[in-house]
């Protein structure tokens, strides 16, 4: 069995995220930030630093910016620091460090908190209360790629088996929820939660679905690896599950890997982007 690299997965999913990010939500954030003379950004769960690269390459903010990314994974932070060397210039200072997103305190309040593919992993009230504490008054939060209940793989292998595996995969997310994560419907639950907070204005929200498909030359960039990693993640989550025969799962997983190798698999995951501001 291949030993899939999380670091390579993070790099491979950059182009998938590039397509997925909701452009209306992104543009709204751009417009909101233009009122600032300079922008202090904190990214939580920064991973390999791909969002910082995107912020620079897509010109999120035209003025001076200090960008700090934190993550608990030291290997991801090392990779992010390596990539950041090409992004630092007079108007953009990029720093990465190992830290816990829910306890770390910046030296001064920040203007914007970014969390990409992160909010489905944490307890919303705990995270939001901490973010409010470290944001300046009327500070912004930008939560992207929050999973929301749909995993679609085509072509169908067997309708009953495919449906069962998807349901058990989502149920595994919900089992790990246990009051501390958003579960398989984190995207809509997060939107509902922030709408109910009296100290928050929701400025924009929209879908940010992952859609990965082959063209005549196969998958673009390193997205075949991204797909292999997703299938392996499902395999790891469901291996030994009491409601699923191990041989059946192994056959299903091997078929999905073969579909990727043959340039035949389509993968869709529904997610939500959200931009808000503390009042």
Protein backbone atom coordinates (compact mmCIF):
# COMPACT_ATOMS: atom_id res chain seq x y z
CA UNK A 1 0.00 0.00 0.00
CA UNK A 2 1.46 3.40 -0.94
CA UNK A 3 2.48 5.70 1.87
CA UNK A 4 0.77 8.94 0.88
CA UNK A 5 2.41 12.22 1.83
CA UNK A 6 0.27 14.83 3.58
CA UNK A 7 2.71 17.56 2.51
CA UNK A 8 2.36 16.59 -1.14
CA UNK A 9 -1.42 16.43 -0.73
CA UNK A 10 -1.46 20.01 0.58
CA UNK A 11 0.55 21.15 -2.42
CA UNK A 12 -1.55 19.11 -4.85
CA UNK A 13 -4.82 20.57 -3.63
CA UNK A 14 -3.73 24.17 -4.26
CA UNK A 15 -5.03 24.14 -7.83
CA UNK A 16 -8.21 22.40 -6.67
CA UNK A 17 -8.76 25.15 -4.09
CA UNK A 18 -7.92 27.80 -6.70
CA UNK A 19 -10.89 26.69 -8.81
CA UNK A 20 -13.16 26.12 -5.83
CA UNK A 21 -12.84 29.39 -3.91
CA UNK A 22 -15.94 31.50 -4.34
CA UNK A 23 -14.97 34.57 -6.34
CA UNK A 24 -17.89 36.70 -5.09
CA UNK A 25 -16.82 36.14 -1.48
CA UNK A 26 -13.17 36.80 -2.41
CA UNK A 27 -14.04 40.04 -4.22
CA UNK A 28 -16.16 41.22 -1.30
CA UNK A 29 -13.19 40.70 1.01
CA UNK A 30 -10.93 42.59 -1.40
CA UNK A 31 -13.32 45.53 -1.39
CA UNK A 32 -13.66 45.55 2.39
CA UNK A 33 -9.90 45.57 2.93
CA UNK A 34 -9.27 48.58 0.70
CA UNK A 35 -10.38 50.88 3.52
CA UNK A 36 -7.28 49.85 5.54
CA UNK A 37 -3.95 51.70 5.34
CA UNK A 38 -2.20 48.38 6.03
CA UNK A 39 -3.42 44.87 6.78
CA UNK A 40 -2.35 42.43 9.50
CA UNK A 41 -3.45 38.92 8.55
CA UNK A 42 -3.47 35.78 10.66
CA UNK A 43 -4.03 32.46 8.93
CA UNK A 44 -4.92 29.56 11.22
CA UNK A 45 -4.25 26.03 10.05
CA UNK A 46 -1.91 27.48 7.44
CA UNK A 47 -0.58 24.12 6.28
CA UNK A 48 2.04 24.41 3.55
CA UNK A 49 1.41 28.11 2.99
CA UNK A 50 -0.60 27.87 -0.22
CA UNK A 51 -3.17 30.46 0.90
CA UNK A 52 -0.41 32.96 1.55
CA UNK A 53 0.85 32.37 -1.99
CA UNK A 54 -2.65 32.91 -3.30
CA UNK A 55 -3.11 36.14 -1.32
CA UNK A 56 0.07 37.47 -2.91
CA UNK A 57 -0.55 36.19 -6.45
CA UNK A 58 -4.21 37.25 -6.54
CA UNK A 59 -3.46 40.68 -5.01
CA UNK A 60 -5.94 40.46 -2.17
CA UNK A 61 -4.64 43.73 -0.72
CA UNK A 62 -2.66 46.40 -2.56
CA UNK A 63 -1.11 48.09 0.47
CA UNK A 64 1.44 46.93 3.06
CA UNK A 65 0.57 43.56 4.57
CA UNK A 66 1.97 41.51 7.44
CA UNK A 67 0.92 37.88 7.02
CA UNK A 68 1.36 35.38 9.84
CA UNK A 69 0.48 31.72 9.34
CA UNK A 70 0.26 29.23 12.19
CA UNK A 71 -0.18 25.48 12.25
CA UNK A 72 0.51 22.70 14.74
CA UNK A 73 2.26 20.56 12.10
CA UNK A 74 5.95 21.42 12.12
CA UNK A 75 6.62 19.75 8.75
CA UNK A 76 3.91 21.84 7.07
CA UNK A 77 5.30 25.01 8.62
CA UNK A 78 8.81 24.15 7.39
CA UNK A 79 7.41 23.75 3.88
CA UNK A 80 5.47 27.00 4.17
CA UNK A 81 8.60 28.87 5.25
CA UNK A 82 10.45 27.51 2.24
CA UNK A 83 7.74 28.70 -0.15
CA UNK A 84 7.43 32.07 1.59
CA UNK A 85 10.97 33.05 0.65
CA UNK A 86 9.78 33.84 -2.86
CA UNK A 87 6.77 35.86 -1.68
CA UNK A 88 8.31 38.33 0.78
CA UNK A 89 8.90 41.84 -0.56
CA UNK A 90 8.72 45.42 0.66
CA UNK A 91 4.90 45.51 0.90
CA UNK A 92 4.40 41.91 2.05
CA UNK A 93 6.01 40.32 5.08
CA UNK A 94 5.20 36.62 5.49
CA UNK A 95 5.96 34.65 8.66
CA UNK A 96 5.06 31.11 9.68
CA UNK A 97 5.30 29.45 13.06
CA UNK A 98 4.18 26.37 14.93
CA UNK A 99 1.27 27.29 17.19
CA UNK A 100 -2.22 26.26 18.24
CA UNK A 101 -4.91 28.31 16.51
CA UNK A 102 -7.21 28.33 19.54
CA UNK A 103 -4.66 29.53 22.10
CA UNK A 104 -2.06 31.60 20.21
CA UNK A 105 -1.93 35.31 21.00
CA UNK A 106 -0.53 37.81 18.47
CA UNK A 107 1.61 40.72 19.64
CA UNK A 108 -1.13 43.09 18.48
CA UNK A 109 -4.72 42.67 17.20
CA UNK A 110 -5.06 41.56 13.58
CA UNK A 111 -7.34 42.90 10.86
CA UNK A 112 -8.24 39.60 9.21
CA UNK A 113 -8.30 35.93 10.18
CA UNK A 114 -8.22 33.37 7.39
CA UNK A 115 -9.12 29.73 7.96
CA UNK A 116 -8.99 27.49 4.88
CA UNK A 117 -10.38 23.93 5.17
CA UNK A 118 -10.16 24.40 8.94
CA UNK A 119 -13.47 25.36 10.52
CA UNK A 120 -14.99 21.89 10.08
CA UNK A 121 -12.31 20.62 12.48
CA UNK A 122 -13.01 22.87 15.47
CA UNK A 123 -15.73 23.79 17.96
CA UNK A 124 -17.35 26.90 16.48
CA UNK A 125 -18.07 28.87 19.70
CA UNK A 126 -14.59 28.26 21.09
CA UNK A 127 -12.92 29.29 17.85
CA UNK A 128 -15.09 32.35 17.27
CA UNK A 129 -14.70 33.67 20.80
CA UNK A 130 -10.92 33.35 20.52
CA UNK A 131 -10.87 34.98 17.10
CA UNK A 132 -12.93 37.90 18.38
CA UNK A 133 -10.41 38.37 21.18
CA UNK A 134 -7.43 38.62 18.82
CA UNK A 135 -9.09 40.65 16.07
CA UNK A 136 -9.19 44.43 16.17
CA UNK A 137 -12.66 45.99 16.63
CA UNK A 138 -14.71 45.36 13.47
CA UNK A 139 -12.12 42.84 12.31
CA UNK A 140 -12.88 40.38 9.49
CA UNK A 141 -12.91 36.59 9.32
CA UNK A 142 -12.70 34.64 6.07
CA UNK A 143 -13.55 30.94 6.39
CA UNK A 144 -13.11 28.94 3.20
CA UNK A 145 -13.54 25.37 1.93
CA UNK A 146 -15.67 24.26 4.90
CA UNK A 147 -17.02 20.80 4.02
CA UNK A 148 -20.79 20.54 3.77
CA UNK A 149 -22.23 17.09 3.38
CA UNK A 150 -21.66 15.96 -0.22
CA UNK A 151 -18.99 13.55 -1.45
CA UNK A 152 -19.63 12.46 -5.03
CA UNK A 153 -17.54 9.97 -7.00
CA UNK A 154 -18.32 9.04 -10.59
CA UNK A 155 -18.62 6.71 -12.42
CA UNK A 156 -20.78 4.59 -10.16
CA UNK A 157 -19.35 1.22 -9.18
CA UNK A 158 -22.45 -0.08 -7.44
CA UNK A 159 -25.19 2.30 -6.35
CA UNK A 160 -25.89 0.57 -3.04
CA UNK A 161 -22.21 0.16 -2.14
CA UNK A 162 -21.27 3.69 -3.21
CA UNK A 163 -24.15 5.16 -1.21
CA UNK A 164 -23.28 3.11 1.86
CA UNK A 165 -19.59 4.05 1.76
CA UNK A 166 -20.42 7.74 1.39
CA UNK A 167 -22.89 7.56 4.28
CA UNK A 168 -20.44 5.74 6.55
CA UNK A 169 -17.66 8.16 5.61
CA UNK A 170 -19.82 11.11 6.62
CA UNK A 171 -20.97 9.27 9.74
CA UNK A 172 -17.30 8.89 10.70
CA UNK A 173 -16.97 12.68 10.54
CA UNK A 174 -20.03 13.01 12.75
CA UNK A 175 -18.72 10.44 15.22
CA UNK A 176 -15.55 12.49 15.58
CA UNK A 177 -17.71 15.62 15.99
CA UNK A 178 -18.64 14.82 19.61
CA UNK A 179 -19.36 18.49 20.25
CA UNK A 180 -15.87 19.60 19.22
CA UNK A 181 -16.00 19.73 15.40
CA UNK A 182 -18.54 20.74 12.79
CA UNK A 183 -19.19 17.24 11.49
CA UNK A 184 -20.23 16.32 7.97
CA UNK A 185 -22.51 19.36 7.59
CA UNK A 186 -20.07 21.86 9.05
CA UNK A 187 -20.51 24.42 6.26
CA UNK A 188 -24.21 25.05 6.76
CA UNK A 189 -23.93 24.69 10.54
CA UNK A 190 -21.20 27.31 10.61
CA UNK A 191 -23.26 29.71 8.49
CA UNK A 192 -26.26 29.20 10.75
CA UNK A 193 -24.14 29.67 13.86
CA UNK A 194 -22.58 32.97 12.79
CA UNK A 195 -25.94 34.30 11.60
CA UNK A 196 -27.31 33.70 15.09
CA UNK A 197 -24.50 35.59 16.83
CA UNK A 198 -25.53 39.12 17.72
CA UNK A 199 -21.93 40.39 17.41
CA UNK A 200 -21.38 39.29 13.80
CA UNK A 201 -22.36 40.58 10.36
CA UNK A 202 -22.19 38.08 7.49
CA UNK A 203 -20.88 40.00 4.50
CA UNK A 204 -20.85 37.21 1.91
CA UNK A 205 -21.25 33.46 1.59
CA UNK A 206 -21.18 31.04 -1.31
CA UNK A 207 -20.36 27.56 -2.53
CA UNK A 208 -16.73 26.52 -2.98
CA UNK A 209 -17.03 23.02 -4.35
CA UNK A 210 -14.06 20.86 -5.19
CA UNK A 211 -14.56 19.53 -8.71
CA UNK A 212 -11.75 17.36 -10.05
CA UNK A 213 -12.05 15.74 -13.46
CA UNK A 214 -9.78 14.54 -16.25
CA UNK A 215 -9.36 16.20 -19.63
CA UNK A 216 -7.92 14.64 -22.80
CA UNK A 217 -4.44 14.70 -21.25
CA UNK A 218 -5.54 13.33 -17.88
CA UNK A 219 -5.68 15.28 -14.63
CA UNK A 220 -4.11 18.71 -14.42
CA UNK A 221 -1.06 19.51 -12.31
CA UNK A 222 -0.73 16.99 -9.44
CA UNK A 223 -4.46 16.44 -9.00
CA UNK A 224 -4.30 12.68 -9.63
CA UNK A 225 -2.26 12.50 -6.41
CA UNK A 226 -4.86 14.63 -4.66
CA UNK A 227 -7.54 12.10 -5.69
CA UNK A 228 -5.46 9.11 -4.59
CA UNK A 229 -5.04 10.79 -1.20
CA UNK A 230 -8.81 11.35 -0.87
CA UNK A 231 -9.55 7.69 -1.63
CA UNK A 232 -6.86 6.61 0.82
CA UNK A 233 -8.40 8.89 3.46
CA UNK A 234 -11.77 7.21 2.95
CA UNK A 235 -10.08 3.81 3.16
CA UNK A 236 -8.33 4.71 6.42
CA UNK A 237 -11.55 6.08 7.92
CA UNK A 238 -13.63 2.97 7.07
CA UNK A 239 -11.13 0.13 7.39
CA UNK A 240 -12.39 -2.33 9.99
CA UNK A 241 -15.82 -0.67 10.17
CA UNK A 242 -18.34 -3.13 11.68
CA UNK A 243 -20.97 -2.26 9.06
CA UNK A 244 -18.68 -2.79 6.06
CA UNK A 245 -17.01 -5.95 4.80
CA UNK A 246 -13.24 -5.44 4.59
CA UNK A 247 -12.91 -7.31 1.28
CA UNK A 248 -15.72 -5.29 -0.25
CA UNK A 249 -14.08 -2.04 0.87
CA UNK A 250 -10.68 -3.15 -0.42
CA UNK A 251 -12.15 -3.95 -3.82
CA UNK A 252 -13.99 -0.63 -3.95
CA UNK A 253 -10.84 1.30 -3.00
CA UNK A 254 -8.74 -0.52 -5.59
CA UNK A 255 -11.33 0.18 -8.28
CA UNK A 256 -11.35 3.89 -7.41
CA UNK A 257 -7.52 4.05 -7.51
CA UNK A 258 -7.58 2.30 -10.89
CA UNK A 259 -10.14 4.81 -12.19
CA UNK A 260 -7.75 7.60 -11.24
CA UNK A 261 -4.83 5.85 -12.93
CA UNK A 262 -6.97 5.47 -16.06
CA UNK A 263 -8.11 9.10 -16.02
CA UNK A 264 -11.74 8.18 -15.43
CA UNK A 265 -12.69 9.37 -11.94
CA UNK A 266 -14.73 12.52 -11.26
CA UNK A 267 -14.75 13.83 -7.70
CA UNK A 268 -17.03 16.51 -6.28
CA UNK A 269 -17.20 17.73 -2.68
CA UNK A 270 -19.60 20.47 -1.60
CA UNK A 271 -18.15 23.22 0.58
CA UNK A 272 -18.98 26.76 1.69
CA UNK A 273 -16.99 30.00 1.90
CA UNK A 274 -17.97 32.62 4.45
CA UNK A 275 -16.88 36.21 5.07
CA UNK A 276 -17.95 38.05 8.18
CA UNK A 277 -17.12 40.91 10.50
CA UNK A 278 -17.36 41.33 14.24
CA UNK A 279 -19.48 44.35 15.17
